[in-house]
Protein backbone atom coordinates (compact mmCIF):
# COMPACT_ATOMS: atom_id res chain seq x y z
CA MET A 1 -13.36 17.25 -0.92
CA ASN A 2 -13.15 13.92 0.99
CA ILE A 3 -10.11 14.13 3.32
CA PHE A 4 -10.82 10.16 4.39
CA GLU A 5 -10.72 8.67 1.18
CA ASP A 6 -7.93 6.22 1.41
CA LYS A 7 -6.28 7.34 4.44
CA VAL A 8 -5.92 4.82 7.46
CA SER A 9 -7.71 4.66 10.18
CA ILE A 10 -8.05 2.83 13.72
CA VAL A 11 -11.52 2.62 15.24
CA THR A 12 -11.77 1.49 18.78
CA GLY A 13 -14.21 0.21 20.55
CA ALA A 14 -16.03 -0.24 17.05
CA ALA A 15 -18.94 -3.20 17.82
CA SER A 16 -21.45 -1.43 18.75
CA GLY A 17 -23.00 2.35 19.55
CA ILE A 18 -20.76 5.30 18.58
CA GLY A 19 -17.72 3.39 16.81
CA LYS A 20 -19.90 0.96 14.73
CA ALA A 21 -21.50 4.09 13.57
CA LEU A 22 -17.73 5.40 12.95
CA ILE A 23 -16.67 2.04 10.93
CA GLN A 24 -19.69 2.54 8.87
CA GLU A 25 -19.21 5.98 8.39
CA LEU A 26 -14.96 6.23 7.82
CA ALA A 27 -15.86 3.56 5.03
CA LYS A 28 -18.61 5.27 3.55
CA ARG A 29 -15.72 7.99 2.82
CA GLY A 30 -13.56 5.18 1.04
CA ALA A 31 -11.35 4.87 3.89
CA ASN A 32 -8.78 1.69 5.15
CA VAL A 33 -10.49 1.08 9.02
CA ILE A 34 -8.97 -1.33 11.03
CA ALA A 35 -12.07 -2.01 13.47
CA THR A 36 -11.43 -2.99 17.05
CA ASP A 37 -12.94 -4.66 20.13
CA ILE A 38 -12.21 -6.63 22.89
CA ASN A 39 -15.02 -8.73 21.67
CA LEU A 40 -14.78 -9.63 17.72
CA ARG A 41 -17.82 -12.13 17.82
CA LEU A 42 -19.97 -8.91 18.26
CA LEU A 43 -17.83 -6.62 15.81
CA LYS A 44 -17.88 -9.32 12.86
CA LEU A 45 -21.35 -9.22 13.31
CA SER A 46 -21.60 -5.39 13.21
CA ILE A 47 -19.26 -5.74 10.28
CA GLU A 48 -21.61 -7.89 8.01
CA SER A 49 -24.10 -5.62 8.54
CA ILE A 50 -22.69 -2.49 7.67
CA LYS A 51 -24.07 -1.81 4.30
CA THR A 52 -21.28 0.25 1.78
CA SER A 53 -20.36 -0.34 -1.85
CA ASN A 54 -16.90 -2.47 -1.61
CA HIS A 55 -16.43 -1.02 2.05
CA LYS A 56 -12.69 -1.73 3.47
CA ILE A 57 -12.81 -3.01 6.99
CA LYS A 58 -10.61 -5.91 8.46
CA ALA A 59 -11.63 -6.56 11.95
CA VAL A 60 -9.05 -6.83 15.19
CA ALA A 61 -9.38 -8.15 18.78
CA LEU A 62 -8.43 -5.61 21.01
CA ASP A 63 -8.59 -4.62 24.73
CA VAL A 64 -7.18 -1.09 24.89
CA THR A 65 -6.19 -1.98 28.76
CA ASP A 66 -3.23 -3.89 27.06
CA TYR A 67 -0.57 -1.85 26.14
CA ASN A 68 1.83 -4.53 24.78
CA ALA A 69 -1.66 -5.46 22.10
CA PHE A 70 -2.27 -1.99 21.30
CA LYS A 71 1.31 -1.43 20.45
CA LYS A 72 1.47 -4.61 18.25
CA LEU A 73 -1.90 -3.75 16.53
CA ILE A 74 -0.21 -0.21 15.41
CA ASP A 75 2.92 -1.51 14.88
CA GLU A 76 1.36 -3.61 12.63
CA THR A 77 -0.88 -1.46 10.90
CA VAL A 78 1.88 1.51 10.14
CA SER A 79 4.37 -1.95 8.98
CA LYS A 80 1.59 -3.00 6.60
CA GLU A 81 -0.15 0.31 5.51
CA GLY A 82 3.27 2.61 5.74
CA ARG A 83 1.44 5.06 7.83
CA LEU A 84 -1.44 5.73 9.98
CA ASP A 85 -3.87 8.65 9.24
CA TYR A 86 -5.90 8.11 12.21
CA LEU A 87 -6.62 7.07 15.52
CA PHE A 88 -10.36 7.15 16.60
CA ASN A 89 -10.17 6.20 20.72
CA ASN A 90 -13.59 5.53 21.24
CA ALA A 91 -13.73 2.69 23.26
CA GLY A 92 -15.20 3.54 26.82
CA ILE A 93 -17.51 1.85 29.79
CA ALA A 94 -19.66 3.30 32.31
CA ILE A 95 -20.27 2.71 36.11
CA ALA A 96 -23.03 3.77 37.69
CA GLY A 97 -23.24 4.68 41.55
CA GLU A 98 -22.25 7.35 44.61
CA VAL A 99 -18.45 7.88 45.45
CA ARG A 100 -19.16 6.69 48.47
CA ASP A 101 -20.67 2.50 47.31
CA GLN A 102 -18.21 2.48 44.53
CA LYS A 103 -14.74 0.78 45.48
CA ILE A 104 -11.35 0.90 44.52
CA GLU A 105 -11.46 -2.14 41.84
CA HIS A 106 -14.63 -0.07 39.81
CA TRP A 107 -12.16 2.61 39.94
CA LYS A 108 -9.54 1.02 38.42
CA LYS A 109 -11.35 -0.80 36.16
CA LEU A 110 -13.10 2.04 34.84
CA LEU A 111 -10.33 4.27 34.67
CA ASP A 112 -7.86 1.62 32.91
CA VAL A 113 -10.22 1.19 29.40
CA ASN A 114 -11.49 5.07 29.72
CA LEU A 115 -8.17 6.86 30.59
CA ASN A 116 -5.16 4.04 29.98
CA GLY A 117 -6.58 3.07 27.61
CA VAL A 118 -7.01 6.42 25.36
CA ILE A 119 -3.58 7.14 26.62
CA TYR A 120 -1.70 3.50 25.27
CA GLY A 121 -2.99 4.91 22.04
CA SER A 122 -2.43 8.21 22.41
CA VAL A 123 0.77 8.33 22.90
CA LEU A 124 2.09 5.32 20.33
CA ALA A 125 0.40 7.03 17.64
CA TYR A 126 1.50 10.26 17.95
CA LYS A 127 5.19 8.59 17.99
CA TYR A 128 4.31 7.39 14.81
CA MET A 129 2.88 10.09 13.64
CA ALA A 130 5.45 12.93 14.39
CA LYS A 131 8.33 10.78 12.48
CA GLN A 132 6.36 10.69 9.26
CA GLY A 133 5.34 14.74 9.74
CA PHE A 134 1.35 13.86 9.85
CA GLY A 135 -1.64 12.17 11.24
CA HIS A 136 -4.90 12.66 13.39
CA ILE A 137 -5.80 11.54 16.89
CA VAL A 138 -9.18 11.55 17.89
CA ASN A 139 -10.49 11.28 21.42
CA LEU A 140 -13.27 10.17 22.98
CA SER A 141 -14.39 12.52 25.97
CA SER A 142 -17.66 13.88 27.10
CA VAL A 143 -19.89 16.11 28.53
CA GLU A 144 -18.78 14.79 31.46
CA GLY A 145 -15.78 16.13 30.20
CA ILE A 146 -16.83 19.12 30.46
CA THR A 147 -18.95 19.34 33.99
CA ALA A 148 -19.18 17.16 36.50
CA PHE A 149 -22.64 14.26 37.02
CA PRO A 150 -23.62 13.06 40.00
CA ALA A 151 -23.25 8.78 40.95
CA THR A 152 -20.91 8.97 37.61
CA VAL A 153 -17.85 10.68 39.25
CA PRO A 154 -14.57 7.65 38.05
CA TYR A 155 -16.12 8.55 34.35
CA VAL A 156 -16.09 12.37 34.86
CA VAL A 157 -12.84 11.99 36.15
CA SER A 158 -11.49 9.86 33.18
CA LYS A 159 -13.41 12.12 30.70
CA PHE A 160 -11.89 15.33 32.36
CA ALA A 161 -8.30 13.34 32.15
CA VAL A 162 -9.20 12.70 27.82
CA MET A 163 -10.43 15.96 27.45
CA GLY A 164 -6.63 17.47 29.25
CA LEU A 165 -4.66 14.74 27.08
CA SER A 166 -5.99 15.91 24.12
CA GLN A 167 -5.47 19.81 24.30
CA GLY A 168 -1.67 19.23 25.72
CA MET A 169 -1.09 16.55 23.03
CA TRP A 170 -2.93 19.77 21.25
CA VAL A 171 -0.45 22.04 21.81
CA GLU A 172 2.63 19.83 21.29
CA GLY A 173 1.91 18.20 17.87
CA ALA A 174 0.51 21.42 16.41
CA ASP A 175 3.85 22.40 14.88
CA LEU A 176 4.83 18.75 14.16
CA GLY A 177 1.75 18.07 12.14
CA VAL A 178 0.00 16.12 14.67
CA LYS A 179 -3.36 17.22 15.20
CA VAL A 180 -5.49 16.20 18.02
CA SER A 181 -9.38 16.86 19.00
CA ALA A 182 -11.27 15.59 21.86
CA VAL A 183 -15.53 14.64 20.85
CA SER A 184 -17.82 15.84 23.55
CA PRO A 185 -20.99 13.70 22.34
CA GLY A 186 -23.62 14.90 24.85
CA PHE A 187 -26.36 12.48 24.41
CA ILE A 188 -26.73 9.60 22.33
CA LYS A 189 -29.33 6.61 21.21
CA THR A 190 -26.72 4.12 22.84
CA PRO A 191 -27.74 1.37 25.71
CA ILE A 192 -24.70 2.28 27.67
CA PHE A 193 -26.54 3.43 30.13
CA GLU A 194 -28.85 0.22 29.87
CA VAL A 195 -25.72 -2.53 30.37
CA SER A 196 -23.31 -0.61 32.20
CA GLU A 197 -22.76 -2.02 35.96
CA VAL A 198 -24.48 -0.40 38.68
CA VAL A 199 -23.47 -0.30 42.08
CA ASN A 200 -26.00 0.14 45.35
CA THR A 201 -28.04 1.62 42.60
CA ASP A 202 -31.67 1.29 41.16
CA ARG A 203 -31.54 0.85 37.59
CA GLN A 204 -34.77 1.67 36.66
CA GLU A 205 -34.87 4.67 38.80
CA MET A 206 -31.33 6.02 37.05
CA LEU A 207 -33.04 5.52 33.79
CA LYS A 208 -36.08 7.17 34.83
CA SER A 209 -33.34 10.49 35.72
CA LEU A 210 -32.00 10.46 32.97
CA ALA A 211 -35.45 10.28 30.27
CA PRO A 212 -36.44 14.17 30.34
CA LEU A 213 -32.40 14.65 28.47
CA GLU A 214 -33.42 12.09 25.68
CA LYS A 215 -35.40 14.74 23.99
CA PHE A 216 -31.82 16.23 23.01
CA SER A 217 -30.04 12.73 21.65
CA ILE A 218 -29.47 12.11 18.49
CA SER A 219 -28.07 8.98 16.74
CA PRO A 220 -24.77 7.38 17.00
CA GLU A 221 -24.74 7.87 12.96
CA LYS A 222 -25.20 11.28 13.12
CA CYS A 223 -23.47 11.52 15.92
CA ALA A 224 -20.39 10.05 13.89
CA LYS A 225 -20.92 12.35 10.71
CA ARG A 226 -20.40 15.63 13.16
CA ILE A 227 -17.08 13.86 14.69
CA LEU A 228 -16.60 13.73 11.32
CA LYS A 229 -17.49 17.27 10.00
CA GLY A 230 -15.22 18.55 13.40
CA VAL A 231 -12.39 16.50 12.38
CA ALA A 232 -12.60 17.48 8.44
CA LYS A 233 -12.36 20.99 9.73
CA ASN A 234 -9.29 20.05 12.68
CA LYS A 235 -11.40 21.68 15.45
CA VAL A 236 -9.23 20.83 18.82
CA ILE A 237 -12.96 20.52 20.90
CA ILE A 238 -15.74 19.09 19.14
CA PRO A 239 -19.77 19.28 21.14
CA ILE A 240 -21.21 17.00 19.18
CA THR A 241 -25.40 18.17 20.54
CA GLY A 242 -26.95 21.07 21.46
CA LEU A 243 -26.73 20.19 24.58
CA ALA A 244 -22.92 19.74 24.88
CA TRP A 245 -23.09 23.81 23.39
CA VAL A 246 -24.49 24.76 25.68
CA LEU A 247 -22.76 22.79 28.81
CA TRP A 248 -19.59 24.03 27.41
CA TRP A 249 -20.25 27.27 27.13
CA PHE A 250 -22.30 27.71 30.59
CA SER A 251 -19.68 25.93 32.37
CA ARG A 252 -17.21 28.28 30.66
CA ILE A 253 -19.09 31.58 32.12
CA LYS A 254 -20.86 29.74 35.37
CA PRO A 255 -19.36 26.82 36.41
CA THR A 256 -20.60 27.23 39.98
CA MET A 257 -24.16 28.06 38.82
CA LEU A 258 -23.79 24.98 36.49
CA LEU A 259 -22.41 22.18 39.62
CA ASN A 260 -25.70 24.02 41.89
CA LEU A 261 -28.05 23.33 39.26
CA THR A 262 -26.81 19.60 39.01
CA ARG A 263 -26.57 19.14 42.74
CA LYS A 264 -30.60 20.08 43.59
CA ASP A 265 -31.54 18.12 40.89
CA PHE A 266 -29.24 14.94 41.99
CA LYS A 267 -31.32 15.53 45.82
CA LYS A 268 -34.50 14.98 43.97
CA ILE A 269 -33.73 11.63 42.93
CA ARG A 270 -30.97 10.35 45.42
CA ASP A 271 -33.44 8.36 48.00
CA LYS A 272 -34.54 6.96 44.99
CA ALA A 273 -31.92 5.36 43.43
CA ARG A 274 -29.92 4.76 45.82
CA ILE A 275 -30.72 1.48 47.42
CA LYS A 276 -30.71 1.48 50.74
CA LYS A 277 -29.04 -1.48 53.13
């Protein structure tokens, strides 16, 4: 049974990476997709490259940090379509650098997109879904929402918060017909680390330190399929890769041991990656 056919689905951050793969997979399954991104030109190019028969994808420019713009999108979608079945809060950014090097402006920028953007979409969609008695909100967290990684602490904070937001809303929404899931992808083959802002950090050294984890990575297309599989099963937490599963269970059984292992690995690369002033 294809539960996504003809379902009204909004996806944020849909111009590339996991977002693009999600709109492609949803379209293949016959969903009515509203694809959004702050970069409308790239979004339209991405939609043009999607090869599906009779796909229904509408491109809409959206800055997720703009509450009023997000509200307008959801209001207009419900007004036109009569309902909202799915919201995929996928838009996100990363900023690399140690806490001692990042300015408060970096924190504000990242949290505005990764946390406020998810809160805005979730709260706005939730109100409609509670009234209509059905709907599913899918929030993209991360393995960094499971356990802390160094040199990306603001990102860690945002993803832990998204995990908590999703679980809290799941508890409240279950008896109202509203489903909520948090996705923990793990390492996906996207250019996020190549294009992310870096603060007092050597990008190449940072990428070299991540290279061993590439063997655990999967394509955005495979990730999107696994996300929708988890959504179809109404899973509260959806770990995607094997690494995500291992970190999820490890963080529950031996959280301090996992943090100590991460600290030891970071000590090996800190002097090489951090730019000395």
